[in-house]
C-alpha atoms as a PDB file:
ATOM      1  CA  MET A   1      14.642   7.474 264.815  1.00  0.00           C
ATOM      2  CA  ASN A   2      11.245   8.460 266.180  1.00  0.00           C
ATOM      3  CA  ILE A   3      11.943   9.641 269.731  1.00  0.00           C
ATOM      4  CA  GLU A   4       8.236   9.473 270.562  1.00  0.00           C
ATOM      5  CA  ASN A   5       8.118   5.688 270.033  1.00  0.00           C
ATOM      6  CA  MET A   6      11.659   4.514 270.784  1.00  0.00           C
ATOM      7  CA  SER A   7      11.758   0.703 270.858  1.00  0.00           C
ATOM      8  CA  LYS A   8      13.174  -1.106 273.900  1.00  0.00           C
ATOM      9  CA  PRO A   9      16.443  -2.186 272.181  1.00  0.00           C
ATOM     10  CA  VAL A  10      16.996   1.338 270.834  1.00  0.00           C
ATOM     11  CA  HIS A  11      16.165   2.802 274.242  1.00  0.00           C
ATOM     12  CA  LYS A  12      18.739   0.537 275.896  1.00  0.00           C
ATOM     13  CA  ILE A  13      21.368   1.611 273.345  1.00  0.00           C
ATOM     14  CA  TYR A  14      20.418   5.253 274.009  1.00  0.00           C
ATOM     15  CA  ILE A  15      20.865   4.872 277.785  1.00  0.00           C
ATOM     16  CA  PHE A  16      24.081   2.883 277.353  1.00  0.00           C
ATOM     17  CA  SER A  17      25.442   5.606 275.047  1.00  0.00           C
ATOM     18  CA  LEU A  18      24.745   8.327 277.628  1.00  0.00           C
ATOM     19  CA  VAL A  19      26.543   6.330 280.315  1.00  0.00           C
ATOM     20  CA  ILE A  20      29.518   5.665 278.027  1.00  0.00           C
ATOM     21  CA  ILE A  21      29.770   9.383 277.176  1.00  0.00           C
ATOM     22  CA  GLU A  22      29.855  10.326 280.878  1.00  0.00           C
ATOM     23  CA  VAL A  23      32.502   7.722 281.715  1.00  0.00           C
ATOM     24  CA  ALA A  24      34.585   8.651 278.642  1.00  0.00           C
ATOM     25  CA  VAL A  25      34.477  12.369 279.456  1.00  0.00           C
ATOM     26  CA  PHE A  26      35.501  11.711 283.066  1.00  0.00           C
ATOM     27  CA  LEU A  27      38.439   9.505 282.032  1.00  0.00           C
ATOM     28  CA  LEU A  28      39.521  12.000 279.350  1.00  0.00           C
ATOM     29  CA  LEU A  29      39.481  14.963 281.743  1.00  0.00           C
ATOM     30  CA  LEU A  30      41.278  12.956 284.415  1.00  0.00           C
ATOM     31  CA  GLU A  31      43.945  11.780 281.983  1.00  0.00           C
ATOM     32  CA  LYS A  32      44.418  15.342 280.711  1.00  0.00           C
ATOM     33  CA  GLY A  33      45.069  16.895 284.125  1.00  0.00           C
ATOM     34  CA  TYR A  34      45.767  14.142 286.652  1.00  0.00           C
ATOM     35  CA  GLU A  35      49.352  15.243 287.338  1.00  0.00           C
ATOM     36  CA  TYR A  36      48.237  18.865 287.708  1.00  0.00           C
ATOM     37  CA  TYR A  37      45.263  18.215 289.996  1.00  0.00           C
ATOM     38  CA  ARG A  38      47.333  16.080 292.375  1.00  0.00           C
ATOM     39  CA  LEU A  39      49.829  18.914 292.938  1.00  0.00           C
ATOM     40  CA  PRO A  40      49.534  20.979 296.141  1.00  0.00           C
ATOM     41  CA  ILE A  41      47.790  24.321 295.518  1.00  0.00           C
ATOM     42  CA  GLU A  42      50.968  26.344 296.120  1.00  0.00           C
ATOM     43  CA  GLU A  43      52.924  24.344 293.500  1.00  0.00           C
ATOM     44  CA  ARG A  44      50.381  24.547 290.694  1.00  0.00           C
ATOM     45  CA  PRO A  45      51.458  27.989 289.340  1.00  0.00           C
ATOM     46  CA  PHE A  46      54.831  26.433 288.439  1.00  0.00           C
ATOM     47  CA  SER A  47      53.233  23.675 286.353  1.00  0.00           C
ATOM     48  CA  GLU A  48      53.471  23.895 282.551  1.00  0.00           C
ATOM     49  CA  VAL A  49      49.727  23.338 282.233  1.00  0.00           C
ATOM     50  CA  HIS A  50      48.678  25.817 284.951  1.00  0.00           C
ATOM     51  CA  ASN A  51      47.561  28.508 282.486  1.00  0.00           C
ATOM     52  CA  THR A  52      45.507  25.903 280.642  1.00  0.00           C
ATOM     53  CA  LEU A  53      43.841  23.992 283.482  1.00  0.00           C
ATOM     54  CA  LYS A  54      43.420  26.619 286.204  1.00  0.00           C
ATOM     55  CA  PRO A  55      39.805  27.834 286.698  1.00  0.00           C
ATOM     56  CA  GLY A  56      40.517  30.879 284.513  1.00  0.00           C
ATOM     57  CA  GLY A  57      42.583  28.945 281.969  1.00  0.00           C
ATOM     58  CA  ILE A  58      41.615  28.100 278.409  1.00  0.00           C
ATOM     59  CA  LEU A  59      40.393  24.589 279.244  1.00  0.00           C
ATOM     60  CA  GLY A  60      39.530  25.188 282.903  1.00  0.00           C
ATOM     61  CA  HIS A  61      37.342  28.162 282.065  1.00  0.00           C
ATOM     62  CA  GLY A  62      35.791  26.262 279.166  1.00  0.00           C
ATOM     63  CA  TYR A  63      34.857  23.380 281.460  1.00  0.00           C
ATOM     64  CA  GLY A  64      32.966  25.815 283.670  1.00  0.00           C
ATOM     65  CA  ILE A  65      31.107  27.486 280.808  1.00  0.00           C
ATOM     66  CA  ILE A  66      30.103  24.245 279.098  1.00  0.00           C
ATOM     67  CA  GLY A  67      29.165  22.592 282.405  1.00  0.00           C
ATOM     68  CA  THR A  68      26.999  25.534 283.448  1.00  0.00           C
ATOM     69  CA  LEU A  69      25.228  25.617 280.074  1.00  0.00           C
ATOM     70  CA  MET A  70      24.564  21.868 280.308  1.00  0.00           C
ATOM     71  CA  MET A  71      22.944  22.281 283.708  1.00  0.00           C
ATOM     72  CA  ILE A  72      20.829  25.233 282.557  1.00  0.00           C
ATOM     73  CA  VAL A  73      19.619  23.339 279.472  1.00  0.00           C
ATOM     74  CA  GLY A  74      19.030  20.188 281.532  1.00  0.00           C
ATOM     75  CA  VAL A  75      17.010  21.925 284.250  1.00  0.00           C
ATOM     76  CA  PHE A  76      14.968  24.381 282.221  1.00  0.00           C
ATOM     77  CA  GLY A  77      14.463  22.035 279.248  1.00  0.00           C
ATOM     78  CA  TYR A  78      12.888  19.395 281.501  1.00  0.00           C
ATOM     79  CA  MET A  79      10.834  21.982 283.419  1.00  0.00           C
ATOM     80  CA  LEU A  80       9.432  23.452 280.199  1.00  0.00           C
ATOM     81  CA  ARG A  81       8.613  19.999 278.803  1.00  0.00           C
ATOM     82  CA  LYS A  82       6.635  19.214 281.980  1.00  0.00           C
ATOM     83  CA  ARG A  83       4.711  22.493 282.118  1.00  0.00           C
ATOM     84  CA  VAL A  84       4.293  23.849 278.566  1.00  0.00           C
ATOM     85  CA  LYS A  85       1.389  22.140 276.783  1.00  0.00           C
ATOM     86  CA  ALA A  86       2.816  22.961 273.358  1.00  0.00           C
ATOM     87  CA  MET A  87       5.806  20.718 274.185  1.00  0.00           C
ATOM     88  CA  TYR A  88       3.793  17.684 275.301  1.00  0.00           C
ATOM     89  CA  ARG A  89       4.278  16.021 271.922  1.00  0.00           C
ATOM     90  CA  TRP A  90       8.033  16.630 271.875  1.00  0.00           C
ATOM     91  CA  GLY A  91       8.960  13.113 272.938  1.00  0.00           C
ATOM     92  CA  ARG A  92       8.032  11.120 276.018  1.00  0.00           C
ATOM     93  CA  LEU A  93       8.569  12.724 279.395  1.00  0.00           C
ATOM     94  CA  LYS A  94      10.743   9.834 280.612  1.00  0.00           C
ATOM     95  CA  TYR A  95      13.210  10.447 277.745  1.00  0.00           C
ATOM     96  CA  TRP A  96      13.422  14.095 278.782  1.00  0.00           C
ATOM     97  CA  LEU A  97      14.005  13.033 282.378  1.00  0.00           C
ATOM     98  CA  GLU A  98      16.809  10.695 281.303  1.00  0.00           C
ATOM     99  CA  PHE A  99      18.457  13.459 279.254  1.00  0.00           C
ATOM    100  CA  HIS A 100      17.937  15.880 282.170  1.00  0.00           C
ATOM    101  CA  ILE A 101      19.803  13.435 284.441  1.00  0.00           C
ATOM    102  CA  PHE A 102      22.552  13.044 281.829  1.00  0.00           C
ATOM    103  CA  LEU A 103      23.129  16.800 281.449  1.00  0.00           C
ATOM    104  CA  CYS A 104      22.806  17.445 285.191  1.00  0.00           C
ATOM    105  CA  THR A 105      25.477  14.884 286.039  1.00  0.00           C
ATOM    106  CA  LEU A 106      27.860  15.640 283.183  1.00  0.00           C
ATOM    107  CA  GLY A 107      27.547  19.403 283.819  1.00  0.00           C
ATOM    108  CA  PRO A 108      28.604  19.160 287.494  1.00  0.00           C
ATOM    109  CA  LEU A 109      31.443  16.850 286.455  1.00  0.00           C
ATOM    110  CA  LEU A 110      32.792  19.541 284.126  1.00  0.00           C
ATOM    111  CA  ILE A 111      32.340  22.190 286.831  1.00  0.00           C
ATOM    112  CA  LEU A 112      34.300  19.984 289.247  1.00  0.00           C
ATOM    113  CA  PHE A 113      37.236  20.013 286.821  1.00  0.00           C
ATOM    114  CA  HIS A 114      36.691  23.754 286.212  1.00  0.00           C
ATOM    115  CA  SER A 115      37.296  24.333 289.932  1.00  0.00           C
ATOM    116  CA  ALA A 116      40.528  22.291 289.648  1.00  0.00           C
ATOM    117  CA  PHE A 117      39.397  20.627 292.886  1.00  0.00           C
ATOM    118  CA  LYS A 118      39.978  23.890 294.735  1.00  0.00           C
ATOM    119  CA  PHE A 119      37.041  24.992 296.884  1.00  0.00           C
ATOM    120  CA  GLY A 120      36.628  28.100 298.966  1.00  0.00           C
ATOM    121  CA  GLY A 121      34.448  31.122 299.697  1.00  0.00           C
ATOM    122  CA  LEU A 122      31.024  31.592 298.134  1.00  0.00           C
ATOM    123  CA  VAL A 123      31.791  29.167 295.312  1.00  0.00           C
ATOM    124  CA  SER A 124      32.246  26.334 297.806  1.00  0.00           C
ATOM    125  CA  ILE A 125      28.628  26.812 298.939  1.00  0.00           C
ATOM    126  CA  SER A 126      27.483  26.529 295.323  1.00  0.00           C
ATOM    127  CA  PHE A 127      29.655  23.460 294.813  1.00  0.00           C
ATOM    128  CA  TRP A 128      28.281  21.588 297.830  1.00  0.00           C
ATOM    129  CA  CYS A 129      24.746  22.589 296.851  1.00  0.00           C
ATOM    130  CA  MET A 130      25.514  21.123 293.430  1.00  0.00           C
ATOM    131  CA  ILE A 131      26.676  17.873 295.043  1.00  0.00           C
ATOM    132  CA  ALA A 132      23.484  17.821 297.148  1.00  0.00           C
ATOM    133  CA  VAL A 133      21.400  18.347 293.991  1.00  0.00           C
ATOM    134  CA  VAL A 134      23.155  15.494 292.171  1.00  0.00           C
ATOM    135  CA  VAL A 135      22.870  13.070 295.113  1.00  0.00           C
ATOM    136  CA  SER A 136      19.235  13.990 295.783  1.00  0.00           C
ATOM    137  CA  GLY A 137      18.584  13.633 292.052  1.00  0.00           C
ATOM    138  CA  VAL A 138      19.789  10.025 292.137  1.00  0.00           C
ATOM    139  CA  ILE A 139      17.540   9.345 295.137  1.00  0.00           C
ATOM    140  CA  GLY A 140      14.652  11.115 293.399  1.00  0.00           C
ATOM    141  CA  ARG A 141      15.108   8.970 290.308  1.00  0.00           C
ATOM    142  CA  PHE A 142      14.822   5.841 292.466  1.00  0.00           C
ATOM    143  CA  ILE A 143      11.598   7.113 294.074  1.00  0.00           C
ATOM    144  CA  TYR A 144      10.252   8.238 290.675  1.00  0.00           C
ATOM    145  CA  VAL A 145      10.483   4.756 289.137  1.00  0.00           C
ATOM    146  CA  GLN A 146       8.633   3.222 292.099  1.00  0.00           C
ATOM    147  CA  ILE A 147       5.482   5.169 291.160  1.00  0.00           C
ATOM    148  CA  PRO A 148       3.582   3.443 288.302  1.00  0.00           C
ATOM    149  CA  ARG A 149       3.397   5.604 285.194  1.00  0.00           C
ATOM    150  CA  THR A 150       2.172   5.550 281.626  1.00  0.00           C
ATOM    151  CA  VAL A 151       4.627   5.087 278.739  1.00  0.00           C
ATOM    152  CA  ASN A 152       4.651   8.889 278.448  1.00  0.00           C
ATOM    153  CA  GLY A 153       5.710   9.307 282.082  1.00  0.00           C
ATOM    154  CA  GLU A 154       2.414  10.513 283.572  1.00  0.00           C
ATOM    155  CA  GLU A 155       1.588   9.191 287.028  1.00  0.00           C
ATOM    156  CA  LEU A 156      -1.104   6.506 287.204  1.00  0.00           C
ATOM    157  CA  SER A 157      -3.935   6.642 289.714  1.00  0.00           C
ATOM    158  CA  ILE A 158      -4.997   3.677 291.847  1.00  0.00           C
ATOM    159  CA  GLU A 159      -7.976   3.206 289.499  1.00  0.00           C
ATOM    160  CA  ASP A 160      -5.690   3.147 286.454  1.00  0.00           C
ATOM    161  CA  ILE A 161      -3.455   0.519 288.064  1.00  0.00           C
ATOM    162  CA  LYS A 162      -6.434  -1.646 289.022  1.00  0.00           C
ATOM    163  CA  ASP A 163      -7.733  -1.401 285.446  1.00  0.00           C
ATOM    164  CA  MET A 164      -4.342  -2.627 284.222  1.00  0.00           C
ATOM    165  CA  GLN A 165      -4.495  -5.528 286.670  1.00  0.00           C
ATOM    166  CA  GLU A 166      -7.999  -6.474 285.521  1.00  0.00           C
ATOM    167  CA  LYS A 167      -6.831  -6.432 281.898  1.00  0.00           C
ATOM    168  CA  ILE A 168      -3.932  -8.749 282.773  1.00  0.00           C
ATOM    169  CA  LYS A 169      -6.321 -11.174 284.478  1.00  0.00           C
ATOM    170  CA  LYS A 170      -8.651 -11.109 281.460  1.00  0.00           C
ATOM    171  CA  ASP A 171      -5.677 -11.860 279.220  1.00  0.00           C
ATOM    172  CA  PHE A 172      -4.860 -14.856 281.405  1.00  0.00           C
ATOM    173  CA  LYS A 173      -8.373 -16.217 280.981  1.00  0.00           C
ATOM    174  CA  ASN A 174      -9.161 -15.339 277.357  1.00  0.00           C
ATOM    175  CA  ASN A 175      -5.856 -15.522 275.453  1.00  0.00           C
ATOM    176  CA  TYR A 176      -4.318 -18.718 276.800  1.00  0.00           C
ATOM    177  CA  ASN A 177      -5.558 -22.271 276.798  1.00  0.00           C
ATOM    178  CA  ILE A 178      -5.519 -22.970 280.540  1.00  0.00           C
ATOM    179  CA  SER A 179      -8.113 -24.827 282.564  1.00  0.00           C
ATOM    180  CA  GLU A 180     -10.488 -23.120 284.988  1.00  0.00           C
ATOM    181  CA  GLU A 181      -8.748 -24.854 287.897  1.00  0.00           C
ATOM    182  CA  THR A 182      -5.284 -23.631 286.812  1.00  0.00           C
ATOM    183  CA  TYR A 183      -6.637 -20.122 286.231  1.00  0.00           C
ATOM    184  CA  ASN A 184      -8.169 -19.981 289.725  1.00  0.00           C
ATOM    185  CA  LYS A 185      -4.919 -21.189 291.330  1.00  0.00           C
ATOM    186  CA  LEU A 186      -2.953 -18.627 289.312  1.00  0.00           C
ATOM    187  CA  ILE A 187      -5.183 -15.732 290.415  1.00  0.00           C
ATOM    188  CA  SER A 188      -5.059 -16.974 294.002  1.00  0.00           C
ATOM    189  CA  LEU A 189      -1.256 -16.899 293.935  1.00  0.00           C
ATOM    190  CA  LEU A 190      -1.142 -13.421 292.397  1.00  0.00           C
ATOM    191  CA  ASP A 191      -3.666 -11.998 294.869  1.00  0.00           C
ATOM    192  CA  SER A 192      -2.063 -13.545 297.957  1.00  0.00           C
ATOM    193  CA  GLU A 193      -0.864 -11.029 300.540  1.00  0.00           C
ATOM    194  CA  ASP A 194       2.725  -9.784 300.287  1.00  0.00           C
ATOM    195  CA  LYS A 195       4.371 -10.484 303.627  1.00  0.00           C
ATOM    196  CA  THR A 196       7.803  -9.089 302.742  1.00  0.00           C
ATOM    197  CA  PRO A 197       8.801  -6.172 305.038  1.00  0.00           C
ATOM    198  CA  GLY A 198       7.905  -2.852 303.436  1.00  0.00           C
ATOM    199  CA  VAL A 199      11.452  -1.468 303.414  1.00  0.00           C
ATOM    200  CA  LEU A 200      12.814  -4.531 301.620  1.00  0.00           C
ATOM    201  CA  ALA A 201       9.966  -4.485 299.116  1.00  0.00           C
ATOM    202  CA  THR A 202      10.627  -0.822 298.382  1.00  0.00           C
ATOM    203  CA  ILE A 203      14.390  -1.173 297.986  1.00  0.00           C
ATOM    204  CA  PHE A 204      14.446  -4.354 295.927  1.00  0.00           C
ATOM    205  CA  ASN A 205      11.208  -3.648 294.003  1.00  0.00           C
ATOM    206  CA  PHE A 206      10.700  -7.232 292.826  1.00  0.00           C
ATOM    207  CA  ASN A 207      10.988  -8.605 296.355  1.00  0.00           C
ATOM    208  CA  LEU A 208      11.541 -11.993 297.955  1.00  0.00           C
ATOM    209  CA  SER A 209       7.830 -12.678 298.230  1.00  0.00           C
ATOM    210  CA  GLY A 210       7.396 -11.822 294.542  1.00  0.00           C
ATOM    211  CA  ARG A 211      10.170 -14.205 293.539  1.00  0.00           C
ATOM    212  CA  LYS A 212       8.541 -16.964 295.569  1.00  0.00           C
ATOM    213  CA  LYS A 213       5.197 -16.296 293.838  1.00  0.00           C
ATOM    214  CA  LEU A 214       6.853 -16.444 290.427  1.00  0.00           C
ATOM    215  CA  TYR A 215       8.539 -19.751 291.287  1.00  0.00           C
ATOM    216  CA  GLU A 216       5.171 -21.216 292.355  1.00  0.00           C
ATOM    217  CA  ILE A 217       3.533 -19.948 289.152  1.00  0.00           C
ATOM    218  CA  LYS A 218       6.276 -21.587 287.080  1.00  0.00           C
ATOM    219  CA  SER A 219       5.605 -24.884 288.847  1.00  0.00           C
ATOM    220  CA  LEU A 220       1.852 -24.458 288.329  1.00  0.00           C
ATOM    221  CA  LEU A 221       2.101 -23.806 284.583  1.00  0.00           C
ATOM    222  CA  LYS A 222       4.956 -26.109 283.645  1.00  0.00           C
ATOM    223  CA  GLY A 223       3.856 -28.837 281.258  1.00  0.00           C
ATOM    224  CA  LYS A 224       0.281 -27.539 281.040  1.00  0.00           C
ATOM    225  CA  ILE A 225       0.685 -25.052 278.171  1.00  0.00           C
ATOM    226  CA  SER A 226       2.932 -24.542 275.141  1.00  0.00           C
ATOM    227  CA  LYS A 227       6.407 -23.075 275.579  1.00  0.00           C
ATOM    228  CA  ASN A 228       5.499 -19.778 273.849  1.00  0.00           C
ATOM    229  CA  HIS A 229       2.390 -19.336 275.988  1.00  0.00           C
ATOM    230  CA  TYR A 230       4.386 -20.331 279.068  1.00  0.00           C
ATOM    231  CA  ASN A 231       6.919 -17.518 278.530  1.00  0.00           C
ATOM    232  CA  GLU A 232       4.209 -14.972 277.739  1.00  0.00           C
ATOM    233  CA  LEU A 233       2.220 -15.906 280.841  1.00  0.00           C
ATOM    234  CA  LEU A 234       5.309 -15.591 283.036  1.00  0.00           C
ATOM    235  CA  LYS A 235       5.933 -12.077 281.682  1.00  0.00           C
ATOM    236  CA  LEU A 236       2.336 -11.108 282.479  1.00  0.00           C
ATOM    237  CA  ALA A 237       2.584 -12.686 285.925  1.00  0.00           C
ATOM    238  CA  LYS A 238       5.791 -10.793 286.674  1.00  0.00           C
ATOM    239  CA  LYS A 239       4.149  -7.555 285.560  1.00  0.00           C
ATOM    240  CA  GLU A 240       1.178  -8.229 287.854  1.00  0.00           C
ATOM    241  CA  ILE A 241       3.462  -8.977 290.829  1.00  0.00           C
ATOM    242  CA  LEU A 242       5.395  -5.761 290.227  1.00  0.00           C
ATOM    243  CA  LEU A 243       2.152  -3.796 290.073  1.00  0.00           C
ATOM    244  CA  ASN A 244       1.026  -5.348 293.364  1.00  0.00           C
ATOM    245  CA  THR A 245       4.330  -4.382 294.976  1.00  0.00           C
ATOM    246  CA  LYS A 246       4.147  -0.810 293.702  1.00  0.00           C
ATOM    247  CA  ILE A 247       0.494  -0.307 294.570  1.00  0.00           C
ATOM    248  CA  SER A 248       1.122  -1.480 298.146  1.00  0.00           C
ATOM    249  CA  HIS A 249       3.772   1.242 298.550  1.00  0.00           C
ATOM    250  CA  LEU A 250       2.191   3.893 296.360  1.00  0.00           C
ATOM    251  CA  ASN A 251       1.170   6.277 299.143  1.00  0.00           C
ATOM    252  CA  LEU A 252       4.587   5.980 300.812  1.00  0.00           C
ATOM    253  CA  MET A 253       6.404   6.711 297.543  1.00  0.00           C
ATOM    254  CA  LYS A 254       4.196   9.730 296.841  1.00  0.00           C
ATOM    255  CA  LYS A 255       4.951  11.136 300.288  1.00  0.00           C
ATOM    256  CA  LEU A 256       8.679  10.553 299.842  1.00  0.00           C
ATOM    257  CA  PHE A 257       8.549  12.194 296.420  1.00  0.00           C
ATOM    258  CA  GLY A 258       6.880  15.243 297.983  1.00  0.00           C
ATOM    259  CA  TYR A 259       9.573  15.437 300.670  1.00  0.00           C
ATOM    260  CA  TRP A 260      12.225  15.021 297.978  1.00  0.00           C
ATOM    261  CA  HIS A 261      11.014  18.145 296.171  1.00  0.00           C
ATOM    262  CA  VAL A 262      11.373  20.107 299.415  1.00  0.00           C
ATOM    263  CA  ILE A 263      15.065  19.139 299.530  1.00  0.00           C
ATOM    264  CA  HIS A 264      16.013  19.055 295.847  1.00  0.00           C
ATOM    265  CA  LEU A 265      14.527  22.322 294.618  1.00  0.00           C
ATOM    266  CA  PRO A 266      15.947  24.710 297.292  1.00  0.00           C
ATOM    267  CA  PHE A 267      19.469  23.334 296.808  1.00  0.00           C
ATOM    268  CA  ALA A 268      19.084  23.750 293.040  1.00  0.00           C
ATOM    269  CA  LEU A 269      17.862  27.334 293.488  1.00  0.00           C
ATOM    270  CA  ILE A 270      20.730  28.271 295.838  1.00  0.00           C
ATOM    271  CA  MET A 271      23.222  26.707 293.438  1.00  0.00           C
ATOM    272  CA  LEU A 272      21.763  28.655 290.501  1.00  0.00           C
ATOM    273  CA  ILE A 273      21.768  32.013 292.343  1.00  0.00           C
ATOM    274  CA  ILE A 274      25.387  31.617 293.499  1.00  0.00           C
ATOM    275  CA  ALA A 275      26.439  30.460 290.018  1.00  0.00           C
ATOM    276  CA  ILE A 276      24.875  33.618 288.519  1.00  0.00           C
ATOM    277  CA  ILE A 277      26.715  35.772 291.080  1.00  0.00           C
ATOM    278  CA  HIS A 278      29.954  33.903 290.331  1.00  0.00           C
ATOM    279  CA  VAL A 279      29.577  34.438 286.572  1.00  0.00           C
ATOM    280  CA  ALA A 280      28.673  38.119 287.037  1.00  0.00           C
ATOM    281  CA  ILE A 281      31.757  38.732 289.214  1.00  0.00           C
ATOM    282  CA  ALA A 282      33.992  36.877 286.745  1.00  0.00           C
ATOM    283  CA  ILE A 283      32.726  39.024 283.854  1.00  0.00           C
ATOM    284  CA  ALA A 284      33.025  42.223 285.930  1.00  0.00           C
ATOM    285  CA  PHE A 285      36.679  41.465 286.643  1.00  0.00           C
ATOM    286  CA  GLY A 286      37.427  40.626 283.035  1.00  0.00           C
ATOM    287  CA  TYR A 287      37.663  36.830 283.270  1.00  0.00           C
ATOM    288  CA  THR A 288      36.500  36.051 279.745  1.00  0.00           C
ATOM    289  CA  TRP A 289      37.047  32.800 277.901  1.00  0.00           C
ATOM    290  CA  LYS A 290      39.987  33.467 275.609  1.00  0.00           C
ATOM    291  CA  LEU A 291      40.450  30.856 272.879  1.00  0.00           C
END
């Protein structure tokens, strides 16, 4: 499989596989230690699996090591791909972002089980920073997809977006057998002002106003062109409506994305520093992973 040019069906399978892996790992870890984790802290040392599942146990310690490595690879791999020119051809940026999200959600999940759901002291600060990083990462992903980008993940400028819109309109006129009157009505519908409240448009992306436009376009085109052309035109119209929605909120999304970095990065840095201290103390006191 060529990761640089992953087809849409393959990409969907790829994303679905990552989700299935996360769910499967969670269910497996929960099934393995559910009875242990639900015990009160003071009763756990008497459990048969205590030496295996406690934070310093064979599995418990392993969860922490593997989870930490996943987060390190996820964070620094994505950062290097974004900033090192020699890596620009190593697959599309959006695939790296998706794998970054995968590793940086699965890693914290493993660390959660490493802690055996026991939080306290300095480690608790790192844990809650980790939760903040994960939650802010989900929010950041939502904001990220609202900003129009190229297939490689680079942000598009207003001029780039307008060029795309002009190309769509030219395709309407040159590639499909529609009358001048129908074409003018179609462009008028697409260019009509979006009156949906900004918050709703941002949250739902393809908003109520956009759905109404698409319904009117369907009525306009129905019976006037072939079925194949009808479906193709609707896809182009939907793309144009989405671009209009995104361009109307582009400045807002860019500002939010800037604010998001101010929140996400400090929490990630604090988490990393405390994790390094935690690992250093564990090694100093002889807590090695014994298989």
